[in-house]
Protein backbone atom coordinates (compact mmCIF):
# COMPACT_ATOMS: atom_id res chain seq x y z
CA MET A 1 -25.41 -3.74 5.28
CA ALA A 2 -21.60 -4.41 5.49
CA GLN A 3 -19.95 -7.56 4.38
CA PRO A 4 -18.64 -9.97 6.98
CA ALA A 5 -15.05 -8.87 7.78
CA GLY A 6 -11.98 -11.11 7.39
CA PRO A 7 -9.34 -11.11 10.07
CA VAL A 8 -6.16 -8.83 10.15
CA ALA A 9 -3.29 -10.39 11.97
CA ARG A 10 -2.34 -8.84 15.26
CA LEU A 11 1.16 -9.59 16.22
CA SER A 12 3.20 -8.41 19.28
CA GLY A 13 6.92 -8.02 19.77
CA ILE A 14 7.94 -8.22 16.03
CA SER A 15 11.52 -7.59 15.43
CA ARG A 16 12.76 -6.12 12.21
CA GLU A 17 14.12 -9.50 11.17
CA ARG A 18 10.89 -11.31 11.80
CA PHE A 19 8.92 -8.71 9.96
CA ARG A 20 11.22 -8.84 6.99
CA GLN A 21 11.38 -12.62 6.80
CA ASP A 22 7.89 -13.76 7.87
CA ILE A 23 5.40 -10.84 7.52
CA TYR A 24 6.57 -8.54 4.71
CA PRO A 25 6.67 -11.32 2.05
CA LEU A 26 3.08 -12.27 2.60
CA ARG A 27 1.86 -8.89 1.19
CA LYS A 28 -1.03 -8.77 3.66
CA PRO A 29 -1.98 -6.21 6.26
CA ALA A 30 -0.87 -6.80 9.85
CA VAL A 31 -1.34 -4.81 13.07
CA LEU A 32 2.08 -4.70 14.90
CA LYS A 33 1.69 -4.09 18.67
CA GLY A 34 4.40 -3.27 21.30
CA ILE A 35 6.80 -1.43 19.05
CA ASP A 36 8.83 1.31 20.76
CA LEU A 37 7.62 4.54 19.20
CA GLY A 38 9.37 6.90 21.61
CA THR A 39 7.71 9.36 23.98
CA CYS A 40 5.11 10.56 21.52
CA THR A 41 2.42 8.16 22.74
CA THR A 42 2.37 9.82 26.17
CA LYS A 43 3.56 13.47 25.33
CA TRP A 44 1.34 14.29 22.35
CA THR A 45 -1.57 15.77 24.21
CA VAL A 46 -3.45 18.82 22.66
CA ASP A 47 -1.72 21.15 25.03
CA TYR A 48 1.79 19.73 24.26
CA LEU A 49 1.18 19.71 20.38
CA SER A 50 -0.15 23.36 20.47
CA GLN A 51 2.83 24.62 22.56
CA THR A 52 5.58 22.67 20.92
CA ALA A 53 4.66 23.07 17.18
CA GLY A 54 3.31 26.55 17.76
CA SER A 55 1.59 28.90 15.19
CA LYS A 56 3.08 27.51 12.03
CA GLU A 57 0.34 27.73 9.37
CA VAL A 58 -1.05 24.50 7.93
CA LYS A 59 -3.41 23.76 5.15
CA ILE A 60 -6.29 21.68 6.34
CA HIS A 61 -9.49 19.90 5.03
CA VAL A 62 -12.74 21.23 6.61
CA SER A 63 -15.93 19.23 6.08
CA THR A 64 -19.46 19.45 7.36
CA VAL A 65 -20.15 15.70 6.89
CA PRO A 66 -18.26 12.72 8.38
CA GLN A 67 -17.53 10.94 5.03
CA MET A 68 -15.11 12.92 3.09
CA ASP A 69 -15.22 12.48 -0.75
CA PHE A 70 -12.10 13.39 -2.68
CA LEU A 71 -13.97 12.80 -6.07
CA SER A 72 -16.81 15.27 -5.42
CA LYS A 73 -14.77 17.45 -3.19
CA ASN A 74 -17.47 17.75 -0.35
CA PHE A 75 -14.98 19.69 1.87
CA VAL A 76 -13.03 22.95 1.55
CA TYR A 77 -9.34 23.78 2.11
CA ARG A 78 -8.55 26.32 4.78
CA THR A 79 -5.47 27.63 6.53
CA LEU A 80 -4.95 28.04 10.36
CA PRO A 81 -2.24 28.33 12.82
CA PHE A 82 -1.28 24.89 13.86
CA ASP A 83 -2.01 25.51 17.57
CA VAL A 84 -5.46 26.90 16.71
CA PHE A 85 -6.20 23.98 14.40
CA VAL A 86 -5.21 21.33 16.86
CA ARG A 87 -7.60 22.71 19.49
CA ARG A 88 -10.42 22.97 17.02
CA ALA A 89 -9.77 19.49 15.78
CA ALA A 90 -10.19 18.18 19.41
CA GLU A 91 -13.47 19.88 19.91
CA VAL A 92 -16.82 18.46 19.18
CA LYS A 93 -18.69 21.74 18.95
CA HIS A 94 -16.86 24.96 17.83
CA ASN A 95 -17.35 28.52 19.02
CA GLU A 96 -15.15 29.67 16.00
CA TYR A 97 -15.62 27.84 12.67
CA PHE A 98 -15.59 28.19 8.89
CA ILE A 99 -18.88 26.71 8.00
CA SER A 100 -20.72 25.02 10.86
CA GLU A 101 -20.23 24.61 14.61
CA ASP A 102 -19.84 20.76 14.10
CA GLU A 103 -17.49 20.78 11.17
CA LYS A 104 -14.58 18.26 11.20
CA TYR A 105 -10.97 18.86 10.52
CA TYR A 106 -8.21 16.85 8.84
CA LEU A 107 -4.55 17.55 8.36
CA ARG A 108 -2.41 15.75 5.99
CA SER A 109 0.95 17.41 6.28
CA LEU A 110 2.66 18.63 3.09
CA GLY A 111 6.15 19.64 2.07
CA GLU A 112 6.97 23.31 2.05
CA ASP A 113 6.24 23.49 -1.64
CA PRO A 114 3.75 20.56 -2.34
CA ARG A 115 4.62 20.63 -5.94
CA LYS A 116 8.28 19.87 -5.23
CA ASP A 117 8.67 18.81 -1.65
CA ILE A 118 7.79 15.51 -0.01
CA ALA A 119 6.13 15.36 3.32
CA ASP A 120 8.72 14.71 6.12
CA ILE A 121 7.78 15.23 9.71
CA ARG A 122 11.53 15.71 10.46
CA LYS A 123 11.46 18.82 8.20
CA GLN A 124 7.97 20.28 8.74
CA PHE A 125 7.62 19.49 12.49
CA PRO A 126 11.22 18.98 13.68
CA SER A 127 10.29 19.68 17.36
CA LEU A 128 7.69 16.97 17.24
CA ALA A 129 9.91 14.55 15.25
CA GLU A 130 12.23 14.35 18.18
CA ASP A 131 9.47 12.55 20.19
CA ILE A 132 8.78 9.78 17.63
CA GLN A 133 10.84 6.76 16.87
CA ILE A 134 9.87 5.53 13.48
CA PRO A 135 10.21 1.67 13.09
CA GLU A 136 13.19 1.10 10.80
CA TYR A 137 11.95 -2.10 9.26
CA PHE A 138 12.98 -1.19 5.78
CA GLU A 139 16.19 0.12 4.26
CA LYS A 140 16.94 3.82 4.50
CA GLU A 141 17.23 4.42 0.78
CA GLN A 142 13.64 2.98 0.46
CA PHE A 143 12.20 5.83 2.54
CA PHE A 144 9.83 8.10 0.74
CA SER A 145 7.85 10.09 3.13
CA SER A 146 6.61 10.58 6.71
CA VAL A 147 3.16 12.12 6.77
CA PHE A 148 1.91 13.76 10.00
CA ARG A 149 -1.96 13.35 10.27
CA ILE A 150 -4.46 14.76 12.67
CA SER A 151 -8.37 13.97 12.49
CA SER A 152 -11.35 15.15 14.23
CA ALA A 153 -13.43 12.38 15.95
CA GLY A 154 -15.93 10.71 13.56
CA LEU A 155 -14.14 11.65 10.28
CA GLN A 156 -13.99 9.04 7.63
CA LEU A 157 -11.51 9.21 4.71
CA TRP A 158 -12.31 7.87 1.21
CA THR A 159 -11.35 4.35 0.22
CA HIS A 160 -8.17 4.46 -1.90
CA TYR A 161 -4.89 2.71 -2.66
CA ASP A 162 -1.28 3.82 -2.44
CA ILE A 163 1.52 2.56 -4.69
CA MET A 164 4.12 2.29 -1.87
CA ASP A 165 4.21 0.22 1.27
CA ASN A 166 3.04 2.04 4.23
CA PHE A 167 3.09 1.90 8.16
CA LEU A 168 0.15 3.79 9.59
CA ILE A 169 1.37 4.60 13.09
CA GLN A 170 -1.48 5.43 15.51
CA ILE A 171 -0.03 7.65 18.18
CA THR A 172 -3.05 8.95 20.05
CA GLY A 173 -6.73 8.07 19.62
CA LYS A 174 -8.49 5.21 18.05
CA LYS A 175 -9.15 4.42 14.37
CA ARG A 176 -11.16 1.65 12.54
CA VAL A 177 -9.61 0.60 9.24
CA ILE A 178 -11.45 -1.28 6.54
CA LEU A 179 -9.32 -2.89 3.85
CA TYR A 180 -9.81 -4.66 0.40
CA ASN A 181 -7.49 -6.90 -1.40
CA PRO A 182 -6.11 -5.42 -4.73
CA ARG A 183 -7.73 -8.28 -6.61
CA ASP A 184 -11.11 -6.97 -5.66
CA ALA A 185 -10.48 -3.72 -7.51
CA PRO A 186 -13.20 -4.71 -10.14
CA TYR A 187 -15.90 -4.44 -7.41
CA LEU A 188 -14.82 -1.10 -5.98
CA TYR A 189 -16.04 1.32 -8.60
CA LEU A 190 -12.80 3.14 -9.07
CA ALA A 191 -12.03 6.54 -10.29
CA GLY A 192 -8.27 6.69 -10.51
CA THR A 193 -6.88 5.48 -7.15
CA LYS A 194 -10.10 6.14 -5.22
CA SER A 195 -13.46 4.24 -4.83
CA GLU A 196 -16.77 5.97 -5.47
CA VAL A 197 -18.28 3.99 -2.59
CA LEU A 198 -18.05 6.34 0.57
CA ASN A 199 -20.30 4.39 3.01
CA VAL A 200 -18.56 1.10 3.25
CA ASP A 201 -20.54 0.14 6.26
CA ASN A 202 -23.90 0.72 4.49
CA PRO A 203 -23.29 0.93 0.76
CA ASP A 204 -25.96 1.84 -1.78
CA LEU A 205 -26.24 -1.65 -3.58
CA GLU A 206 -28.64 -0.35 -6.17
CA LYS A 207 -26.03 2.03 -7.39
CA TYR A 208 -23.04 -0.17 -6.47
CA PRO A 209 -24.27 -3.90 -6.86
CA LEU A 210 -20.90 -5.46 -7.27
CA PHE A 211 -19.48 -3.97 -4.01
CA MET A 212 -20.68 -6.96 -1.86
CA LYS A 213 -18.31 -9.19 -3.88
CA ALA A 214 -15.29 -7.38 -2.47
CA ARG A 215 -14.05 -9.16 0.53
CA ARG A 216 -13.76 -6.84 3.60
CA TYR A 217 -10.94 -6.91 6.15
CA GLU A 218 -11.19 -4.81 9.30
CA CYS A 219 -9.05 -3.93 12.23
CA SER A 220 -9.19 -1.47 15.14
CA LEU A 221 -6.03 0.61 16.04
CA GLU A 222 -5.24 1.92 19.45
CA ALA A 223 -2.55 4.31 20.53
CA GLY A 224 0.84 2.74 19.93
CA ASP A 225 -0.45 0.33 17.27
CA VAL A 226 1.27 0.10 13.87
CA LEU A 227 -0.69 -1.01 10.69
CA PHE A 228 1.30 -2.44 7.87
CA ILE A 229 -0.63 -1.69 4.59
CA PRO A 230 1.09 -3.25 1.69
CA ALA A 231 1.01 -1.19 -1.65
CA LEU A 232 -2.13 -1.45 -3.74
CA TRP A 233 -4.29 -2.60 -0.79
CA PHE A 234 -7.39 -0.39 -0.53
CA HIS A 235 -8.16 1.12 2.82
CA ASN A 236 -10.85 3.24 4.38
CA VAL A 237 -9.91 4.91 7.72
CA ILE A 238 -12.46 5.99 10.41
CA SER A 239 -11.25 8.17 13.31
CA GLU A 240 -13.38 7.01 16.24
CA GLU A 241 -11.68 9.63 18.39
CA PHE A 242 -9.69 12.75 18.00
CA GLY A 243 -6.28 11.28 16.97
CA VAL A 244 -2.81 11.81 15.81
CA GLY A 245 -0.82 9.49 13.48
CA VAL A 246 2.05 9.32 11.24
CA ASN A 247 2.23 7.42 7.90
CA VAL A 248 5.60 6.26 6.75
CA PHE A 249 5.78 5.23 3.11
CA TRP A 250 8.67 3.44 1.56
CA LYS A 251 9.36 2.20 -1.99
CA HIS A 252 8.63 -1.41 -2.57
CA LEU A 253 9.90 -1.21 -6.23
CA PRO A 254 13.20 0.16 -7.63
CA SER A 255 13.24 3.89 -7.61
CA GLU A 256 13.26 4.24 -11.37
CA CYS A 257 9.75 2.66 -11.46
CA TYR A 258 8.17 5.66 -9.89
CA ASP A 259 7.06 8.96 -11.32
CA LYS A 260 9.81 11.56 -10.34
CA THR A 261 7.15 14.35 -10.21
CA ASP A 262 5.09 12.50 -7.60
CA THR A 263 5.39 14.26 -4.12
CA TYR A 264 2.37 12.37 -2.57
CA GLY A 265 3.22 8.85 -3.47
CA ASN A 266 -0.03 8.17 -5.20
CA LYS A 267 0.75 8.28 -8.92
CA ASP A 268 0.74 4.87 -10.59
CA PRO A 269 4.18 3.50 -11.52
CA THR A 270 5.40 4.93 -14.92
CA ALA A 271 5.09 1.48 -16.62
CA ALA A 272 1.47 1.17 -15.48
CA SER A 273 0.62 4.70 -16.58
CA ARG A 274 2.08 3.81 -20.16
CA ALA A 275 0.18 0.63 -20.30
CA VAL A 276 -3.08 2.40 -19.53
CA GLN A 277 -2.26 4.96 -22.25
CA VAL A 278 -1.72 2.18 -24.74
CA LEU A 279 -5.04 0.50 -23.68
CA ASP A 280 -6.90 3.77 -24.16
CA ARG A 281 -5.46 4.06 -27.69
CA ALA A 282 -6.52 0.42 -28.38
CA LEU A 283 -10.02 1.10 -27.15
CA LYS A 284 -10.23 4.23 -29.31
CA THR A 285 -9.24 2.13 -32.37
CA LEU A 286 -11.98 -0.45 -31.51
CA GLU A 287 -14.59 2.37 -31.89
CA GLU A 288 -13.95 2.20 -35.66
CA LEU A 289 -15.76 -1.27 -35.65
CA PRO A 290 -19.51 -1.88 -35.51
CA GLU A 291 -20.91 -2.78 -32.05
CA GLU A 292 -20.94 -6.65 -32.72
CA TYR A 293 -17.23 -6.60 -33.76
CA ARG A 294 -16.11 -4.21 -31.19
CA ASP A 295 -17.71 -6.38 -28.40
CA PHE A 296 -16.15 -9.52 -29.90
CA TYR A 297 -12.54 -8.11 -30.00
CA ALA A 298 -12.87 -6.46 -26.69
CA ARG A 299 -13.65 -9.75 -25.12
CA ARG A 300 -10.56 -11.27 -26.86
CA MET A 301 -8.49 -8.40 -25.52
CA VAL A 302 -9.74 -9.20 -22.03
CA LEU A 303 -8.94 -12.92 -22.27
CA ARG A 304 -5.41 -12.01 -23.64
CA ILE A 305 -4.77 -9.68 -20.64
CA GLN A 306 -5.94 -12.43 -18.19
CA GLU A 307 -3.73 -15.03 -19.97
CA LYS A 308 -0.58 -12.86 -20.14
CA ALA A 309 -0.81 -10.66 -16.96
CA TYR A 310 -2.97 -12.15 -14.15
CA SER A 311 -0.98 -13.73 -11.41
CA THR A 312 -1.84 -17.12 -9.75
CA ASN A 313 0.79 -16.57 -7.04
CA TYR A 314 -1.38 -15.08 -4.29
CA GLU A 315 -4.84 -15.35 -2.97
């Protein structure tokens, strides 16, 4: 049974100035409606995408189950020509397939060399990029990536957080997005940036009893909607229809705070990574003590972290 969902603001006709002054500083998700995204919302049919982007090869996720799990890797990576992939992703049953006739497909565009190049729709899909007008609600030097995404109907991505601010631009199709406040991280059973809880609508509470303490926010996205997801907010995305979207990530922190080898935008800031390494060394040192002492000093460490690092400036 899912938790009751809190509201996500839905706002129309938001100018860059109003976004920067009234919405962005709140650090809460918001659905922005009525933004001019260009001709992509009407042009990007399956036929148009196939013809325009052609047979460029793309690496895709292929899954036989709706809920994809990045931790257990319950999917496989395959390569297809883009035009073949788009047509397959739009199908419910497949005549040609890798694993099963009802397998689902997901594209997250990559740079030409994913180890060095950042995803940018203008570089990887220049003919399609001409159709989309990305909202310029941030400074150009803050731009990090523009990630082209295509999903089969019914596909659900794992719950995760990103370290940069993000516009999820829904160009065609419908999505349902479930979000959790960064402060609810203790209840989400994290492994790195990802939650172990796959089925957020019907979680296994015997395995994940604390999950019900996480406050759930939910919104629906239709073609032309833009969801602002602030950095560190957890999100779980369900494609209710075959759909096309573009994520735009931009840097909320100064550039020097980020890992320079990060091409996906999901490595923790360098200071956070160093802090975790220090903590791991401290915990290793505590293992030298008997259990009673280890427990006592670990609790004191928790109290010190709460006292020195917890914020009282937001809900």
